[in-house]
C-alpha atoms as a PDB file:
ATOM      1  CA  MET A   1     -50.307 -53.619 117.685  1.00  0.00           C
ATOM      2  CA  LEU A   2     -52.365 -55.804 119.616  1.00  0.00           C
ATOM      3  CA  THR A   3     -51.958 -55.725 123.746  1.00  0.00           C
ATOM      4  CA  LYS A   4     -50.648 -59.081 125.128  1.00  0.00           C
ATOM      5  CA  ARG A   5     -52.397 -61.266 126.957  1.00  0.00           C
ATOM      6  CA  ILE A   6     -50.686 -62.400 130.889  1.00  0.00           C
ATOM      7  CA  ILE A   7     -52.685 -65.423 131.565  1.00  0.00           C
ATOM      8  CA  PRO A   8     -52.284 -67.308 134.951  1.00  0.00           C
ATOM      9  CA  VAL A   9     -52.697 -71.529 134.872  1.00  0.00           C
ATOM     10  CA  ILE A  10     -54.491 -72.955 137.795  1.00  0.00           C
ATOM     11  CA  GLN A  11     -53.553 -77.026 138.026  1.00  0.00           C
ATOM     12  CA  VAL A  12     -56.248 -78.441 140.170  1.00  0.00           C
ATOM     13  CA  ARG A  13     -56.060 -81.835 141.753  1.00  0.00           C
ATOM     14  CA  ASN A  14     -58.799 -82.983 144.078  1.00  0.00           C
ATOM     15  CA  TYR A  15     -59.993 -79.472 144.543  1.00  0.00           C
ATOM     16  CA  GLN A  16     -56.371 -78.241 145.513  1.00  0.00           C
ATOM     17  CA  ILE A  17     -53.773 -76.156 143.562  1.00  0.00           C
ATOM     18  CA  VAL A  18     -51.223 -78.290 142.494  1.00  0.00           C
ATOM     19  CA  LYS A  19     -47.808 -77.479 140.384  1.00  0.00           C
ATOM     20  CA  SER A  20     -46.138 -80.158 138.392  1.00  0.00           C
ATOM     21  CA  ARG A  21     -42.275 -80.193 137.081  1.00  0.00           C
ATOM     22  CA  ARG A  22     -42.050 -81.622 133.761  1.00  0.00           C
ATOM     23  CA  PHE A  23     -45.431 -82.989 133.966  1.00  0.00           C
ATOM     24  CA  ASP A  24     -44.444 -84.974 136.756  1.00  0.00           C
ATOM     25  CA  ASP A  25     -43.843 -84.121 140.750  1.00  0.00           C
ATOM     26  CA  TYR A  26     -47.356 -82.456 141.474  1.00  0.00           C
ATOM     27  CA  ARG A  27     -46.921 -80.616 144.739  1.00  0.00           C
ATOM     28  CA  VAL A  28     -49.847 -79.145 146.733  1.00  0.00           C
ATOM     29  CA  VAL A  29     -49.338 -75.265 146.755  1.00  0.00           C
ATOM     30  CA  GLY A  30     -53.067 -73.459 147.357  1.00  0.00           C
ATOM     31  CA  ASN A  31     -56.459 -73.953 147.817  1.00  0.00           C
ATOM     32  CA  PHE A  32     -58.793 -73.665 144.841  1.00  0.00           C
ATOM     33  CA  GLU A  33     -61.527 -71.572 145.877  1.00  0.00           C
ATOM     34  CA  GLN A  34     -59.338 -69.036 147.482  1.00  0.00           C
ATOM     35  CA  THR A  35     -56.819 -68.834 144.444  1.00  0.00           C
ATOM     36  CA  VAL A  36     -59.834 -68.169 142.204  1.00  0.00           C
ATOM     37  CA  ALA A  37     -60.603 -65.364 144.392  1.00  0.00           C
ATOM     38  CA  VAL A  38     -57.323 -63.912 144.555  1.00  0.00           C
ATOM     39  CA  TYR A  39     -57.009 -63.591 140.728  1.00  0.00           C
ATOM     40  CA  ASN A  40     -60.372 -62.456 140.426  1.00  0.00           C
ATOM     41  CA  ARG A  41     -59.765 -59.559 142.736  1.00  0.00           C
ATOM     42  CA  ARG A  42     -56.566 -58.599 140.529  1.00  0.00           C
ATOM     43  CA  ARG A  43     -58.729 -58.765 137.582  1.00  0.00           C
ATOM     44  CA  VAL A  44     -56.507 -60.906 135.356  1.00  0.00           C
ATOM     45  CA  ASP A  45     -56.733 -60.700 131.588  1.00  0.00           C
ATOM     46  CA  GLU A  46     -58.125 -64.270 131.889  1.00  0.00           C
ATOM     47  CA  LEU A  47     -57.624 -67.578 134.043  1.00  0.00           C
ATOM     48  CA  ILE A  48     -57.166 -71.259 132.750  1.00  0.00           C
ATOM     49  CA  ILE A  49     -58.397 -73.887 134.911  1.00  0.00           C
ATOM     50  CA  GLN A  50     -56.644 -77.182 134.425  1.00  0.00           C
ATOM     51  CA  ASP A  51     -58.332 -80.020 136.059  1.00  0.00           C
ATOM     52  CA  ILE A  52     -55.566 -82.521 136.274  1.00  0.00           C
ATOM     53  CA  GLY A  53     -57.453 -84.943 138.090  1.00  0.00           C
ATOM     54  CA  ALA A  54     -60.529 -85.036 135.722  1.00  0.00           C
ATOM     55  CA  SER A  55     -57.934 -85.561 132.586  1.00  0.00           C
ATOM     56  CA  LYS A  56     -56.067 -88.370 134.165  1.00  0.00           C
ATOM     57  CA  ASP A  57     -59.315 -90.303 134.988  1.00  0.00           C
ATOM     58  CA  GLY A  58     -61.804 -89.309 132.305  1.00  0.00           C
ATOM     59  CA  SER A  59     -64.334 -88.429 134.847  1.00  0.00           C
ATOM     60  CA  GLY A  60     -65.503 -85.264 132.718  1.00  0.00           C
ATOM     61  CA  PRO A  61     -65.816 -81.785 134.313  1.00  0.00           C
ATOM     62  CA  SER A  62     -65.953 -81.481 138.127  1.00  0.00           C
ATOM     63  CA  PRO A  63     -69.341 -80.178 139.489  1.00  0.00           C
ATOM     64  CA  ARG A  64     -67.459 -79.011 142.374  1.00  0.00           C
ATOM     65  CA  ILE A  65     -65.145 -77.028 140.590  1.00  0.00           C
ATOM     66  CA  LEU A  66     -67.822 -75.649 138.089  1.00  0.00           C
ATOM     67  CA  LYS A  67     -69.894 -74.509 141.062  1.00  0.00           C
ATOM     68  CA  VAL A  68     -67.049 -71.917 142.047  1.00  0.00           C
ATOM     69  CA  LEU A  69     -66.731 -70.787 138.611  1.00  0.00           C
ATOM     70  CA  SER A  70     -70.194 -70.344 138.029  1.00  0.00           C
ATOM     71  CA  ARG A  71     -70.361 -67.422 140.633  1.00  0.00           C
ATOM     72  CA  ASP A  72     -70.238 -64.010 139.466  1.00  0.00           C
ATOM     73  CA  LEU A  73     -66.414 -63.529 138.515  1.00  0.00           C
ATOM     74  CA  ASP A  74     -64.855 -60.724 136.786  1.00  0.00           C
ATOM     75  CA  VAL A  75     -62.577 -62.521 134.670  1.00  0.00           C
ATOM     76  CA  PRO A  76     -62.816 -64.510 131.310  1.00  0.00           C
ATOM     77  CA  LEU A  77     -62.405 -68.495 132.077  1.00  0.00           C
ATOM     78  CA  THR A  78     -61.109 -71.098 130.294  1.00  0.00           C
ATOM     79  CA  TYR A  79     -61.487 -74.590 131.556  1.00  0.00           C
ATOM     80  CA  GLY A  80     -59.905 -77.528 130.590  1.00  0.00           C
ATOM     81  CA  GLY A  81     -60.195 -81.204 132.285  1.00  0.00           C
ATOM     82  CA  GLY A  82     -61.787 -84.698 131.264  1.00  0.00           C
ATOM     83  CA  ILE A  83     -63.870 -82.997 128.320  1.00  0.00           C
ATOM     84  CA  SER A  84     -64.754 -85.513 125.977  1.00  0.00           C
ATOM     85  CA  SER A  85     -68.246 -84.625 124.456  1.00  0.00           C
ATOM     86  CA  THR A  86     -70.353 -81.641 123.518  1.00  0.00           C
ATOM     87  CA  GLY A  87     -72.170 -82.345 126.641  1.00  0.00           C
ATOM     88  CA  HIS A  88     -69.064 -81.836 128.567  1.00  0.00           C
ATOM     89  CA  ILE A  89     -68.589 -78.552 126.774  1.00  0.00           C
ATOM     90  CA  GLU A  90     -72.394 -77.544 127.071  1.00  0.00           C
ATOM     91  CA  GLN A  91     -71.986 -78.004 130.853  1.00  0.00           C
ATOM     92  CA  CYS A  92     -68.910 -75.701 131.020  1.00  0.00           C
ATOM     93  CA  LEU A  93     -70.179 -73.033 129.005  1.00  0.00           C
ATOM     94  CA  ALA A  94     -73.368 -72.999 131.268  1.00  0.00           C
ATOM     95  CA  ASN A  95     -71.952 -72.423 134.358  1.00  0.00           C
ATOM     96  CA  GLY A  96     -69.516 -69.523 134.159  1.00  0.00           C
ATOM     97  CA  CYS A  97     -66.645 -70.938 131.474  1.00  0.00           C
ATOM     98  CA  ASP A  98     -66.256 -68.510 128.650  1.00  0.00           C
ATOM     99  CA  ARG A  99     -64.104 -71.253 126.783  1.00  0.00           C
ATOM    100  CA  VAL A 100     -63.102 -74.939 126.815  1.00  0.00           C
ATOM    101  CA  ALA A 101     -59.760 -76.410 126.459  1.00  0.00           C
ATOM    102  CA  LEU A 102     -59.227 -79.607 124.472  1.00  0.00           C
ATOM    103  CA  ASN A 103     -56.535 -81.633 125.000  1.00  0.00           C
ATOM    104  CA  HIS A 104     -56.806 -85.587 125.245  1.00  0.00           C
ATOM    105  CA  ALA A 105     -59.671 -85.559 123.431  1.00  0.00           C
ATOM    106  CA  THR A 106     -58.066 -84.075 120.343  1.00  0.00           C
ATOM    107  CA  LEU A 107     -56.007 -87.237 120.292  1.00  0.00           C
ATOM    108  CA  ASP A 108     -58.508 -89.812 121.037  1.00  0.00           C
ATOM    109  CA  ASN A 109     -61.581 -88.052 119.094  1.00  0.00           C
ATOM    110  CA  PRO A 110     -60.410 -85.358 116.514  1.00  0.00           C
ATOM    111  CA  GLN A 111     -64.045 -85.213 115.375  1.00  0.00           C
ATOM    112  CA  LEU A 112     -65.237 -83.416 118.866  1.00  0.00           C
ATOM    113  CA  VAL A 113     -63.043 -80.398 117.543  1.00  0.00           C
ATOM    114  CA  ARG A 114     -64.914 -80.242 114.470  1.00  0.00           C
ATOM    115  CA  GLU A 115     -68.540 -80.863 116.305  1.00  0.00           C
ATOM    116  CA  ALA A 116     -67.529 -78.157 118.845  1.00  0.00           C
ATOM    117  CA  SER A 117     -66.812 -75.723 116.757  1.00  0.00           C
ATOM    118  CA  ALA A 118     -69.926 -75.900 114.766  1.00  0.00           C
ATOM    119  CA  ALA A 119     -71.908 -76.320 117.775  1.00  0.00           C
ATOM    120  CA  PHE A 120     -70.579 -73.364 120.085  1.00  0.00           C
ATOM    121  CA  GLY A 121     -68.487 -71.366 117.572  1.00  0.00           C
ATOM    122  CA  SER A 122     -64.869 -71.767 117.243  1.00  0.00           C
ATOM    123  CA  GLN A 123     -64.007 -68.761 119.468  1.00  0.00           C
ATOM    124  CA  CYS A 124     -65.123 -70.774 122.236  1.00  0.00           C
ATOM    125  CA  ILE A 125     -62.798 -73.919 121.841  1.00  0.00           C
ATOM    126  CA  VAL A 126     -59.105 -73.840 122.525  1.00  0.00           C
ATOM    127  CA  GLY A 127     -56.445 -76.593 121.446  1.00  0.00           C
ATOM    128  CA  SER A 128     -54.397 -77.233 124.491  1.00  0.00           C
ATOM    129  CA  VAL A 129     -51.495 -79.514 123.237  1.00  0.00           C
ATOM    130  CA  ASP A 130     -48.553 -80.481 125.342  1.00  0.00           C
ATOM    131  CA  TYR A 131     -45.600 -81.316 123.271  1.00  0.00           C
ATOM    132  CA  THR A 132     -41.857 -82.566 123.696  1.00  0.00           C
ATOM    133  CA  HIS A 133     -38.558 -82.097 122.036  1.00  0.00           C
ATOM    134  CA  GLN A 134     -37.707 -85.513 120.858  1.00  0.00           C
ATOM    135  CA  GLU A 135     -34.863 -86.647 118.621  1.00  0.00           C
ATOM    136  CA  ASN A 136     -36.968 -87.585 115.846  1.00  0.00           C
ATOM    137  CA  GLY A 137     -38.716 -84.451 115.910  1.00  0.00           C
ATOM    138  CA  VAL A 138     -41.052 -82.203 117.909  1.00  0.00           C
ATOM    139  CA  MET A 139     -43.780 -84.610 119.111  1.00  0.00           C
ATOM    140  CA  VAL A 140     -47.143 -84.217 120.884  1.00  0.00           C
ATOM    141  CA  PHE A 141     -46.994 -85.456 124.455  1.00  0.00           C
ATOM    142  CA  ASP A 142     -50.033 -87.164 125.928  1.00  0.00           C
ATOM    143  CA  HIS A 143     -50.435 -86.333 129.473  1.00  0.00           C
ATOM    144  CA  VAL A 144     -52.645 -89.275 130.371  1.00  0.00           C
ATOM    145  CA  THR A 145     -50.094 -91.738 129.217  1.00  0.00           C
ATOM    146  CA  GLY A 146     -47.360 -89.977 130.186  1.00  0.00           C
ATOM    147  CA  LYS A 147     -45.566 -90.561 127.134  1.00  0.00           C
ATOM    148  CA  PRO A 148     -44.730 -88.957 123.940  1.00  0.00           C
ATOM    149  CA  THR A 149     -47.015 -90.309 121.157  1.00  0.00           C
ATOM    150  CA  ASP A 150     -45.993 -90.529 117.180  1.00  0.00           C
ATOM    151  CA  VAL A 151     -47.554 -87.693 115.919  1.00  0.00           C
ATOM    152  CA  THR A 152     -45.699 -84.443 115.349  1.00  0.00           C
ATOM    153  CA  LEU A 153     -46.525 -81.285 116.731  1.00  0.00           C
ATOM    154  CA  HIS A 154     -46.851 -79.915 112.716  1.00  0.00           C
ATOM    155  CA  ASP A 155     -49.464 -82.567 111.952  1.00  0.00           C
ATOM    156  CA  HIS A 156     -51.565 -82.133 115.091  1.00  0.00           C
ATOM    157  CA  LEU A 157     -51.855 -78.610 114.650  1.00  0.00           C
ATOM    158  CA  ALA A 158     -52.480 -78.990 111.173  1.00  0.00           C
ATOM    159  CA  ARG A 159     -55.672 -81.424 111.921  1.00  0.00           C
ATOM    160  CA  LEU A 160     -56.686 -78.986 114.820  1.00  0.00           C
ATOM    161  CA  LEU A 161     -56.563 -76.003 112.308  1.00  0.00           C
ATOM    162  CA  ASP A 162     -58.753 -77.871 109.614  1.00  0.00           C
ATOM    163  CA  ALA A 163     -61.063 -78.921 112.259  1.00  0.00           C
ATOM    164  CA  GLY A 164     -61.958 -75.418 113.077  1.00  0.00           C
ATOM    165  CA  ILE A 165     -59.958 -74.763 116.330  1.00  0.00           C
ATOM    166  CA  GLY A 166     -60.592 -71.212 117.705  1.00  0.00           C
ATOM    167  CA  GLU A 167     -56.920 -70.910 119.461  1.00  0.00           C
ATOM    168  CA  LEU A 168     -54.265 -72.864 120.317  1.00  0.00           C
ATOM    169  CA  LEU A 169     -52.248 -73.346 123.770  1.00  0.00           C
ATOM    170  CA  LEU A 170     -48.719 -74.792 123.260  1.00  0.00           C
ATOM    171  CA  THR A 171     -47.113 -75.987 126.679  1.00  0.00           C
ATOM    172  CA  ASP A 172     -43.280 -77.276 126.513  1.00  0.00           C
ATOM    173  CA  VAL A 173     -43.681 -80.544 128.575  1.00  0.00           C
ATOM    174  CA  ASP A 174     -39.722 -80.126 128.960  1.00  0.00           C
ATOM    175  CA  ARG A 175     -40.202 -76.519 130.290  1.00  0.00           C
ATOM    176  CA  ASP A 176     -43.225 -77.092 132.640  1.00  0.00           C
ATOM    177  CA  GLY A 177     -42.285 -75.729 135.886  1.00  0.00           C
ATOM    178  CA  MET A 178     -38.476 -75.355 135.262  1.00  0.00           C
ATOM    179  CA  MET A 179     -38.616 -71.506 135.547  1.00  0.00           C
ATOM    180  CA  ALA A 180     -35.767 -71.031 133.013  1.00  0.00           C
ATOM    181  CA  GLY A 181     -37.381 -69.305 130.022  1.00  0.00           C
ATOM    182  CA  TYR A 182     -39.988 -70.296 126.904  1.00  0.00           C
ATOM    183  CA  ASP A 183     -39.372 -72.456 124.436  1.00  0.00           C
ATOM    184  CA  ASP A 184     -37.193 -70.025 121.905  1.00  0.00           C
ATOM    185  CA  LYS A 185     -37.998 -72.419 119.149  1.00  0.00           C
ATOM    186  CA  LEU A 186     -41.846 -72.223 119.328  1.00  0.00           C
ATOM    187  CA  ALA A 187     -42.471 -69.318 117.277  1.00  0.00           C
ATOM    188  CA  GLY A 188     -40.566 -70.582 113.982  1.00  0.00           C
ATOM    189  CA  LEU A 189     -42.471 -73.967 114.565  1.00  0.00           C
ATOM    190  CA  VAL A 190     -46.467 -72.206 114.351  1.00  0.00           C
ATOM    191  CA  ASN A 191     -45.063 -69.653 111.852  1.00  0.00           C
ATOM    192  CA  GLY A 192     -47.825 -69.087 109.525  1.00  0.00           C
ATOM    193  CA  VAL A 193     -50.619 -70.792 111.768  1.00  0.00           C
ATOM    194  CA  SER A 194     -53.961 -69.099 111.393  1.00  0.00           C
ATOM    195  CA  SER A 195     -55.316 -69.206 114.558  1.00  0.00           C
ATOM    196  CA  PRO A 196     -54.103 -67.455 117.570  1.00  0.00           C
ATOM    197  CA  VAL A 197     -51.514 -68.923 119.750  1.00  0.00           C
ATOM    198  CA  LEU A 198     -50.616 -68.771 123.487  1.00  0.00           C
ATOM    199  CA  ILE A 199     -47.317 -69.955 124.863  1.00  0.00           C
ATOM    200  CA  ASN A 200     -46.754 -71.951 128.030  1.00  0.00           C
ATOM    201  CA  GLY A 201     -43.943 -73.773 130.136  1.00  0.00           C
ATOM    202  CA  GLY A 202     -40.874 -72.460 131.590  1.00  0.00           C
ATOM    203  CA  CYS A 203     -41.984 -68.593 132.804  1.00  0.00           C
ATOM    204  CA  GLY A 204     -40.018 -67.569 135.799  1.00  0.00           C
ATOM    205  CA  SER A 205     -39.760 -63.963 135.204  1.00  0.00           C
ATOM    206  CA  PRO A 206     -41.503 -60.780 133.223  1.00  0.00           C
ATOM    207  CA  ASP A 207     -38.118 -60.891 131.304  1.00  0.00           C
ATOM    208  CA  HIS A 208     -39.066 -64.275 129.648  1.00  0.00           C
ATOM    209  CA  ILE A 209     -42.380 -63.018 128.887  1.00  0.00           C
ATOM    210  CA  ALA A 210     -41.100 -60.104 127.098  1.00  0.00           C
ATOM    211  CA  ASP A 211     -38.312 -62.181 125.415  1.00  0.00           C
ATOM    212  CA  VAL A 212     -41.140 -64.135 123.325  1.00  0.00           C
ATOM    213  CA  SER A 213     -43.868 -62.022 123.466  1.00  0.00           C
ATOM    214  CA  ASP A 214     -43.688 -60.487 119.624  1.00  0.00           C
ATOM    215  CA  HIS A 215     -44.576 -64.052 118.622  1.00  0.00           C
ATOM    216  CA  PHE A 216     -47.805 -64.744 120.495  1.00  0.00           C
ATOM    217  CA  VAL A 217     -51.238 -63.395 121.388  1.00  0.00           C
ATOM    218  CA  GLY A 218     -50.602 -64.209 125.137  1.00  0.00           C
ATOM    219  CA  CYS A 219     -48.008 -65.895 127.497  1.00  0.00           C
ATOM    220  CA  CYS A 220     -49.230 -68.316 130.088  1.00  0.00           C
ATOM    221  CA  MET A 221     -47.641 -68.759 133.358  1.00  0.00           C
ATOM    222  CA  GLY A 222     -48.162 -71.120 136.769  1.00  0.00           C
ATOM    223  CA  SER A 223     -44.881 -70.926 138.765  1.00  0.00           C
ATOM    224  CA  LEU A 224     -44.363 -67.558 138.367  1.00  0.00           C
ATOM    225  CA  PHE A 225     -46.759 -66.543 140.749  1.00  0.00           C
ATOM    226  CA  LEU A 226     -46.208 -69.154 143.075  1.00  0.00           C
ATOM    227  CA  TYR A 227     -42.635 -68.949 143.578  1.00  0.00           C
ATOM    228  CA  THR A 228     -41.714 -65.549 143.003  1.00  0.00           C
ATOM    229  CA  LYS A 229     -41.743 -62.104 144.239  1.00  0.00           C
ATOM    230  CA  PHE A 230     -43.916 -60.922 141.253  1.00  0.00           C
ATOM    231  CA  GLY A 231     -47.426 -59.970 141.668  1.00  0.00           C
ATOM    232  CA  TYR A 232     -49.856 -59.865 138.509  1.00  0.00           C
ATOM    233  CA  LYS A 233     -49.509 -56.021 138.839  1.00  0.00           C
ATOM    234  CA  ASP A 234     -45.654 -55.952 138.975  1.00  0.00           C
ATOM    235  CA  VAL A 235     -45.438 -58.384 135.920  1.00  0.00           C
ATOM    236  CA  LYS A 236     -47.380 -55.802 133.823  1.00  0.00           C
ATOM    237  CA  ASP A 237     -45.592 -52.709 134.963  1.00  0.00           C
ATOM    238  CA  ALA A 238     -42.534 -54.561 134.322  1.00  0.00           C
ATOM    239  CA  LEU A 239     -43.575 -55.356 130.512  1.00  0.00           C
ATOM    240  CA  SER A 240     -44.884 -51.716 130.332  1.00  0.00           C
ATOM    241  CA  ALA A 241     -41.125 -50.387 130.665  1.00  0.00           C
ATOM    242  CA  ARG A 242     -39.710 -52.926 128.139  1.00  0.00           C
ATOM    243  CA  ASN A 243     -42.346 -51.345 125.702  1.00  0.00           C
ATOM    244  CA  VAL A 244     -44.616 -54.671 125.574  1.00  0.00           C
ATOM    245  CA  LEU A 245     -48.095 -53.317 125.268  1.00  0.00           C
ATOM    246  CA  VAL A 246     -50.440 -54.945 127.869  1.00  0.00           C
ATOM    247  CA  ARG A 247     -54.069 -54.534 128.910  1.00  0.00           C
END
């Protein structure tokens, strides 16, 4: 059985760490550079950086953020935010990022996934998909407009897989920042998906991770490390006690 990846997610806006609730009510919770340094010292499995500001204004990857990430860090880095071209991807990979996460671009320019996978290898390209449960189905959510799209999660994932996406990061907008547990329906929705899947949105305790860990290659979280007593080692120790294999 493969070990599960436990992945902190950092949301950044104006070079500050922020945390949202249901993709709204963004609150400043820390300093970006200091937070990256802390996670690096703790040797986390991986670190995901989401530049909310760049995503909203389409400005492209932040040189200031990439400068921090280009330092000699010891953890694998995934960067997302404002990436809309293979040039942006090359810029990120050249500045210390191991992978990039494409979100809005997968809706606005689906061909980018195919081009990026061919140019850099699918292992470098993560499809970051936000979704919400609506009356008419499970729909992809566009964080730029702040509204659900008319594209179903099923159809969008099928297109990403066809384009050669290497991994999927799926975030439940309705659970984002609520700390009430992950979406227990997601495992059924992605059953049979050929690429590895990371689950995100709603984690408030190690038990929440253990409850879904069988179905995903990794679990992502933000609020857990910001608003609870649990440190990174505490989480791994608690998971080991529940017979969840961690690194």
